């Protein structure tokens, strides 16, 4: 299987081309925005750090003061997404539909 760098499939034309090459027809690639709720910036950063291998290993090694400063900085940047004591983070996804002839 092909290995793609992060975000390599963000371009609908690339996705469509891969599906055509795989033999699919009647292809639809539609961008959709979903809302990802997060209780707080700190929890959101923990989610990100636990899922990304380069960060997962380094984040726990940061000094507590550095982690606290990082969370405070991101909390400030995420504040525009706060709704009723939750963060509502918009995430773009592609919804694919295709037919195998």
C-alpha atoms as a PDB file:
ATOM      1  CA  UNK A   1       0.000   0.000   0.000  1.00  0.00           C
ATOM      2  CA  UNK A   2       1.109   3.525  -0.741  1.00  0.00           C
ATOM      3  CA  UNK A   3       2.254   5.659   2.169  1.00  0.00           C
ATOM      4  CA  UNK A   4       1.294   9.308   1.982  1.00  0.00           C
ATOM      5  CA  UNK A   5       2.648  12.190   4.055  1.00  0.00           C
ATOM      6  CA  UNK A   6       0.211  13.846   6.487  1.00  0.00           C
ATOM      7  CA  UNK A   7      -2.572  15.761   4.759  1.00  0.00           C
ATOM      8  CA  UNK A   8      -1.609  14.329   1.355  1.00  0.00           C
ATOM      9  CA  UNK A   9      -5.247  13.576   0.636  1.00  0.00           C
ATOM     10  CA  UNK A  10      -6.515  17.096   1.234  1.00  0.00           C
ATOM     11  CA  UNK A  11      -6.825  17.810  -2.508  1.00  0.00           C
ATOM     12  CA  UNK A  12     -10.080  16.473  -4.039  1.00  0.00           C
ATOM     13  CA  UNK A  13      -8.355  16.127  -7.438  1.00  0.00           C
ATOM     14  CA  UNK A  14      -5.748  13.775  -5.936  1.00  0.00           C
ATOM     15  CA  UNK A  15      -8.468  11.720  -4.232  1.00  0.00           C
ATOM     16  CA  UNK A  16     -10.468  11.526  -7.476  1.00  0.00           C
ATOM     17  CA  UNK A  17      -7.362  10.479  -9.434  1.00  0.00           C
ATOM     18  CA  UNK A  18      -6.587   7.683  -6.967  1.00  0.00           C
ATOM     19  CA  UNK A  19     -10.172   6.405  -7.213  1.00  0.00           C
ATOM     20  CA  UNK A  20     -10.078   6.508 -11.027  1.00  0.00           C
ATOM     21  CA  UNK A  21      -6.750   4.644 -11.008  1.00  0.00           C
ATOM     22  CA  UNK A  22      -8.342   2.020  -8.732  1.00  0.00           C
ATOM     23  CA  UNK A  23     -11.137   1.484 -11.263  1.00  0.00           C
ATOM     24  CA  UNK A  24     -13.979   3.404  -9.657  1.00  0.00           C
ATOM     25  CA  UNK A  25     -16.501   5.421 -11.676  1.00  0.00           C
ATOM     26  CA  UNK A  26     -19.226   7.963 -10.888  1.00  0.00           C
ATOM     27  CA  UNK A  27     -16.983   9.541  -8.274  1.00  0.00           C
ATOM     28  CA  UNK A  28     -18.150  12.240  -5.895  1.00  0.00           C
ATOM     29  CA  UNK A  29     -15.738  13.987  -3.526  1.00  0.00           C
ATOM     30  CA  UNK A  30     -17.590  16.477  -1.329  1.00  0.00           C
ATOM     31  CA  UNK A  31     -15.971  18.625   1.362  1.00  0.00           C
ATOM     32  CA  UNK A  32     -17.895  18.635   4.634  1.00  0.00           C
ATOM     33  CA  UNK A  33     -17.258  20.484   7.842  1.00  0.00           C
ATOM     34  CA  UNK A  34     -17.932  18.615  11.042  1.00  0.00           C
ATOM     35  CA  UNK A  35     -17.781  20.043  14.536  1.00  0.00           C
ATOM     36  CA  UNK A  36     -15.461  18.286  16.975  1.00  0.00           C
ATOM     37  CA  UNK A  37     -16.389  19.157  20.559  1.00  0.00           C
ATOM     38  CA  UNK A  38     -13.644  19.365  23.167  1.00  0.00           C
ATOM     39  CA  UNK A  39     -14.156  20.138  26.851  1.00  0.00           C
ATOM     40  CA  UNK A  40     -11.059  22.347  27.059  1.00  0.00           C
ATOM     41  CA  UNK A  41      -7.883  23.373  25.267  1.00  0.00           C
ATOM     42  CA  UNK A  42      -5.844  21.196  27.650  1.00  0.00           C
ATOM     43  CA  UNK A  43      -7.882  18.097  26.818  1.00  0.00           C
ATOM     44  CA  UNK A  44      -7.780  18.880  23.090  1.00  0.00           C
ATOM     45  CA  UNK A  45      -3.977  19.189  23.224  1.00  0.00           C
ATOM     46  CA  UNK A  46      -3.776  15.879  25.113  1.00  0.00           C
ATOM     47  CA  UNK A  47      -5.885  14.246  22.367  1.00  0.00           C
ATOM     48  CA  UNK A  48      -3.593  15.646  19.681  1.00  0.00           C
ATOM     49  CA  UNK A  49      -0.443  14.702  21.549  1.00  0.00           C
ATOM     50  CA  UNK A  50      -1.619  11.155  22.189  1.00  0.00           C
ATOM     51  CA  UNK A  51      -2.390  10.516  18.525  1.00  0.00           C
ATOM     52  CA  UNK A  52       0.588  12.022  16.733  1.00  0.00           C
ATOM     53  CA  UNK A  53       3.723   9.859  17.087  1.00  0.00           C
ATOM     54  CA  UNK A  54       6.258  12.718  16.912  1.00  0.00           C
ATOM     55  CA  UNK A  55       4.400  14.589  19.644  1.00  0.00           C
ATOM     56  CA  UNK A  56       3.268  11.596  21.697  1.00  0.00           C
ATOM     57  CA  UNK A  57       6.825  10.824  22.785  1.00  0.00           C
ATOM     58  CA  UNK A  58       8.067  14.391  23.265  1.00  0.00           C
ATOM     59  CA  UNK A  59       5.099  16.088  24.925  1.00  0.00           C
ATOM     60  CA  UNK A  60       5.353  14.194  28.257  1.00  0.00           C
ATOM     61  CA  UNK A  61       9.072  15.030  28.379  1.00  0.00           C
ATOM     62  CA  UNK A  62       8.443  18.779  28.358  1.00  0.00           C
ATOM     63  CA  UNK A  63       8.929  20.596  31.613  1.00  0.00           C
ATOM     64  CA  UNK A  64       5.655  21.278  33.410  1.00  0.00           C
ATOM     65  CA  UNK A  65       6.143  25.037  32.972  1.00  0.00           C
ATOM     66  CA  UNK A  66       6.592  24.596  29.209  1.00  0.00           C
ATOM     67  CA  UNK A  67       3.485  22.391  28.919  1.00  0.00           C
ATOM     68  CA  UNK A  68       1.476  24.908  30.956  1.00  0.00           C
ATOM     69  CA  UNK A  69       2.647  27.777  28.742  1.00  0.00           C
ATOM     70  CA  UNK A  70       1.835  25.782  25.605  1.00  0.00           C
ATOM     71  CA  UNK A  71      -1.681  24.981  26.811  1.00  0.00           C
ATOM     72  CA  UNK A  72      -2.258  28.621  27.807  1.00  0.00           C
ATOM     73  CA  UNK A  73      -1.117  29.827  24.390  1.00  0.00           C
ATOM     74  CA  UNK A  74      -3.374  27.387  22.543  1.00  0.00           C
ATOM     75  CA  UNK A  75      -6.296  28.075  24.889  1.00  0.00           C
ATOM     76  CA  UNK A  76      -6.085  31.736  23.940  1.00  0.00           C
ATOM     77  CA  UNK A  77      -6.034  30.884  20.216  1.00  0.00           C
ATOM     78  CA  UNK A  78      -8.964  28.472  20.578  1.00  0.00           C
ATOM     79  CA  UNK A  79     -11.127  30.902  22.553  1.00  0.00           C
ATOM     80  CA  UNK A  80     -13.095  32.043  19.447  1.00  0.00           C
ATOM     81  CA  UNK A  81     -14.402  28.466  19.191  1.00  0.00           C
ATOM     82  CA  UNK A  82     -15.768  28.387  22.751  1.00  0.00           C
ATOM     83  CA  UNK A  83     -19.531  27.803  23.005  1.00  0.00           C
ATOM     84  CA  UNK A  84     -21.272  27.133  26.314  1.00  0.00           C
ATOM     85  CA  UNK A  85     -18.197  25.891  28.223  1.00  0.00           C
ATOM     86  CA  UNK A  86     -17.068  23.671  25.322  1.00  0.00           C
ATOM     87  CA  UNK A  87     -14.812  24.155  22.355  1.00  0.00           C
ATOM     88  CA  UNK A  88     -16.555  23.504  19.036  1.00  0.00           C
ATOM     89  CA  UNK A  89     -13.734  22.935  16.568  1.00  0.00           C
ATOM     90  CA  UNK A  90     -14.567  22.853  12.850  1.00  0.00           C
ATOM     91  CA  UNK A  91     -12.823  20.039  10.964  1.00  0.00           C
ATOM     92  CA  UNK A  92     -12.982  19.604   7.206  1.00  0.00           C
ATOM     93  CA  UNK A  93     -13.428  16.110   5.799  1.00  0.00           C
ATOM     94  CA  UNK A  94     -14.083  14.701   2.350  1.00  0.00           C
ATOM     95  CA  UNK A  95     -17.079  12.446   1.887  1.00  0.00           C
ATOM     96  CA  UNK A  96     -16.479  10.016  -0.966  1.00  0.00           C
ATOM     97  CA  UNK A  97     -18.938   8.106  -3.094  1.00  0.00           C
ATOM     98  CA  UNK A  98     -17.898   5.965  -6.019  1.00  0.00           C
ATOM     99  CA  UNK A  99     -19.121   2.992  -7.997  1.00  0.00           C
ATOM    100  CA  UNK A 100     -17.270  -0.145  -8.986  1.00  0.00           C
ATOM    101  CA  UNK A 101     -18.249  -0.944 -12.591  1.00  0.00           C
END
